[in-house]
Protein backbone atom coordinates (compact mmCIF):
# COMPACT_ATOMS: atom_id res chain seq x y z
CA MET A 1 0.00 0.00 0.00
CA GLU A 2 1.37 3.38 -1.02
CA ASN A 3 1.98 5.77 1.89
CA LYS A 4 -0.48 8.70 1.63
CA LYS A 5 -0.86 11.59 4.04
CA ILE A 6 -4.06 11.02 5.99
CA ARG A 7 -5.86 14.04 7.47
CA VAL A 8 -6.11 14.21 11.27
CA ILE A 9 -9.91 14.02 11.24
CA GLY A 10 -9.60 10.81 9.21
CA LYS A 11 -7.28 9.23 11.79
CA LEU A 12 -9.73 10.22 14.55
CA TYR A 13 -12.58 8.68 12.53
CA GLU A 14 -10.56 5.46 12.18
CA LYS A 15 -10.04 5.31 15.97
CA TYR A 16 -13.79 5.85 16.44
CA LEU A 17 -14.54 3.10 13.92
CA SER A 18 -12.06 0.70 15.54
CA ILE A 19 -13.78 1.22 18.90
CA LYS A 20 -17.25 0.63 17.46
CA ARG A 21 -16.37 -2.39 15.35
CA ASN A 22 -13.72 -4.01 17.55
CA SER A 23 -14.82 -3.36 21.12
CA HIS A 24 -13.84 -6.93 22.02
CA MET A 25 -10.18 -5.89 21.53
CA ILE A 26 -10.28 -2.88 23.86
CA ASN A 27 -8.08 -3.07 26.93
CA ILE A 28 -6.62 -0.67 29.47
CA ALA A 29 -3.07 0.67 29.67
CA VAL A 30 -1.29 3.26 31.80
CA ALA A 31 0.91 5.97 30.27
CA HIS A 32 2.74 9.02 31.58
CA ASP A 33 1.38 12.29 30.15
CA LYS A 34 4.41 14.48 29.43
CA ILE A 35 2.30 17.66 29.37
CA THR A 36 0.37 17.23 32.63
CA GLY A 37 2.95 15.10 34.43
CA ARG A 38 0.21 12.66 35.45
CA ASN A 39 0.04 8.93 34.90
CA GLU A 40 -3.11 8.36 32.83
CA PHE A 41 -5.37 5.43 32.03
CA VAL A 42 -5.60 4.92 28.27
CA LEU A 43 -7.95 2.76 26.20
CA VAL A 44 -6.01 0.68 23.70
CA ILE A 45 -6.75 -1.84 20.99
CA GLN A 46 -4.70 -4.85 22.03
CA GLU A 47 -3.75 -7.49 19.51
CA GLU A 48 -1.11 -10.13 19.06
CA VAL A 49 1.09 -9.64 15.98
CA ASP A 50 3.93 -12.09 15.25
CA ASN A 51 3.86 -13.41 18.85
CA GLU A 52 4.14 -9.88 20.25
CA ILE A 53 1.47 -7.79 21.94
CA LYS A 54 0.69 -4.61 19.99
CA LEU A 55 -1.12 -1.77 21.76
CA THR A 56 -2.75 0.98 19.71
CA PRO A 57 -3.77 3.95 21.91
CA ILE A 58 -7.36 4.99 21.28
CA ALA A 59 -8.41 7.41 24.03
CA LYS A 60 -7.30 8.86 27.36
CA LEU A 61 -9.79 8.29 30.18
CA MET A 62 -10.56 11.38 32.23
CA SER A 63 -12.11 11.79 35.67
CA ASP A 64 -15.21 13.96 36.06
CA LYS A 65 -13.08 16.57 37.85
CA ILE A 66 -10.63 16.82 34.95
CA VAL A 67 -13.45 16.85 32.39
CA ASN A 68 -15.20 19.69 34.23
CA GLU A 69 -11.98 21.68 34.61
CA GLU A 70 -10.53 21.15 31.13
CA LEU A 71 -13.38 20.61 28.66
CA THR A 72 -16.27 22.73 27.44
CA PRO A 73 -18.95 20.92 25.41
CA LEU A 74 -19.42 22.17 21.85
CA PHE A 75 -22.87 20.91 20.94
CA ASP A 76 -22.91 22.24 17.38
CA ARG A 77 -19.53 20.63 16.62
CA THR A 78 -20.70 17.41 18.28
CA ALA A 79 -23.79 17.23 16.06
CA LEU A 80 -21.69 17.91 12.96
CA ALA A 81 -19.10 15.25 13.89
CA GLN A 82 -21.85 12.70 14.51
CA VAL A 83 -23.45 13.35 11.13
CA ILE A 84 -20.14 13.13 9.25
CA PHE A 85 -18.81 10.07 11.10
CA ASN A 86 -22.16 8.23 10.82
CA GLU A 87 -22.36 8.90 7.07
CA TYR A 88 -18.82 7.60 6.57
CA GLU A 89 -19.41 4.57 8.80
CA GLN A 90 -22.43 3.50 6.71
CA ARG A 91 -20.23 3.37 3.59
CA ASP A 92 -17.06 1.97 5.20
CA GLU A 93 -16.55 -1.72 4.39
CA ARG A 94 -13.51 -2.16 6.65
CA PHE A 95 -14.39 -4.06 9.82
CA THR A 96 -11.35 -5.51 11.55
CA HIS A 97 -8.83 -3.31 13.32
CA ASP A 98 -6.16 -4.52 10.88
CA GLU A 99 -8.30 -3.55 7.87
CA ILE A 100 -8.98 -0.11 9.32
CA GLU A 101 -5.27 0.43 10.03
CA SER A 102 -3.89 -1.00 6.78
CA GLN A 103 -6.43 -0.13 4.07
CA TYR A 104 -7.48 3.21 2.70
CA LEU A 105 -11.11 4.20 2.71
CA GLU A 106 -12.27 3.62 -0.85
CA HIS A 107 -14.22 6.83 -1.51
CA ASP A 108 -11.96 9.25 0.45
CA GLU A 109 -8.46 7.80 0.79
CA THR A 110 -6.86 10.82 2.49
CA TYR A 111 -10.07 12.17 4.07
CA ASP A 112 -9.91 15.38 2.06
CA ILE A 113 -13.68 15.24 1.47
CA MET A 114 -14.32 14.68 5.18
CA THR A 115 -12.02 17.59 6.05
CA ASN A 116 -13.79 19.87 3.56
CA ALA A 117 -17.21 18.83 4.93
CA TRP A 118 -16.01 19.53 8.49
CA ASP A 119 -14.61 22.93 7.52
CA ALA A 120 -17.78 23.90 5.62
CA GLY A 121 -20.01 22.70 8.46
CA THR A 122 -18.11 24.55 11.17
CA GLN A 123 -18.04 27.68 9.03
CA ALA A 124 -21.81 27.44 8.51
CA THR A 125 -22.55 26.95 12.22
CA ASP A 126 -20.26 29.85 13.11
CA MET A 127 -22.02 32.05 10.55
CA LEU A 128 -25.48 31.11 11.90
CA THR A 129 -24.37 31.60 15.50
CA GLN A 130 -23.10 35.08 14.64
CA ALA A 131 -26.14 35.95 12.49
CA PHE A 132 -28.58 35.02 15.25
CA GLN A 133 -26.31 36.46 17.96
CA VAL A 134 -26.44 33.37 20.14
CA ASN A 135 -23.76 31.69 22.25
CA SER A 136 -24.09 28.36 20.45
CA MET A 137 -26.27 26.60 17.92
CA GLU A 138 -28.01 24.88 20.86
CA ASP A 139 -29.65 28.27 21.68
CA LEU A 140 -31.48 28.14 18.33
CA PHE A 141 -33.60 25.15 19.41
CA ASP A 142 -36.36 24.81 22.00
CA GLU A 143 -36.58 22.04 24.62
CA ASN A 144 -38.25 19.75 22.05
CA GLY A 145 -35.45 20.21 19.52
CA LYS A 146 -37.49 22.45 17.21
CA PHE A 147 -35.82 25.38 15.47
CA ILE A 148 -36.71 28.72 17.05
CA ILE A 149 -37.62 31.26 14.39
CA PRO A 150 -36.41 34.68 15.48
CA ASN A 151 -39.25 37.13 16.02
CA GLU A 152 -39.09 39.92 13.44
CA GLU A 153 -40.23 42.42 16.09
CA ASP A 154 -37.12 41.53 18.15
CA ASP A 155 -34.96 42.52 15.18
CA LEU A 156 -36.55 45.98 15.12
CA GLU A 157 -35.64 46.83 18.71
């Protein structure tokens, strides 16, 4: 297989797909985080290759305290990522971890299309957020998930 430069979002998608399709291979590992100085629990795909154990890091596990201190949910980006990843997953015929790691995705080998879709989607949500002067796209929907149509009278004030 020729070595092609894969976009970061594509590598993240492949980790997501490996987790979904190969959950039976997930195990735990501990690694030292050079940035935080903490020892961290890490989800890995564990497999035996040529009589050796191969660990592929998938995700760092985080306590609620760390999540609350370090992460801010981005609901509009989450919805966009779910749509893109789900669309790709429906068309992806690779199932084993080895296939996902060693074969290119047939319809988007370097994930350029996925990257362009992500960029266009984030640009669109940013534009709508700014146009409606809201903090996030979540503010544009009511508690039932229906789009809130701005009141024209509010625009006149």
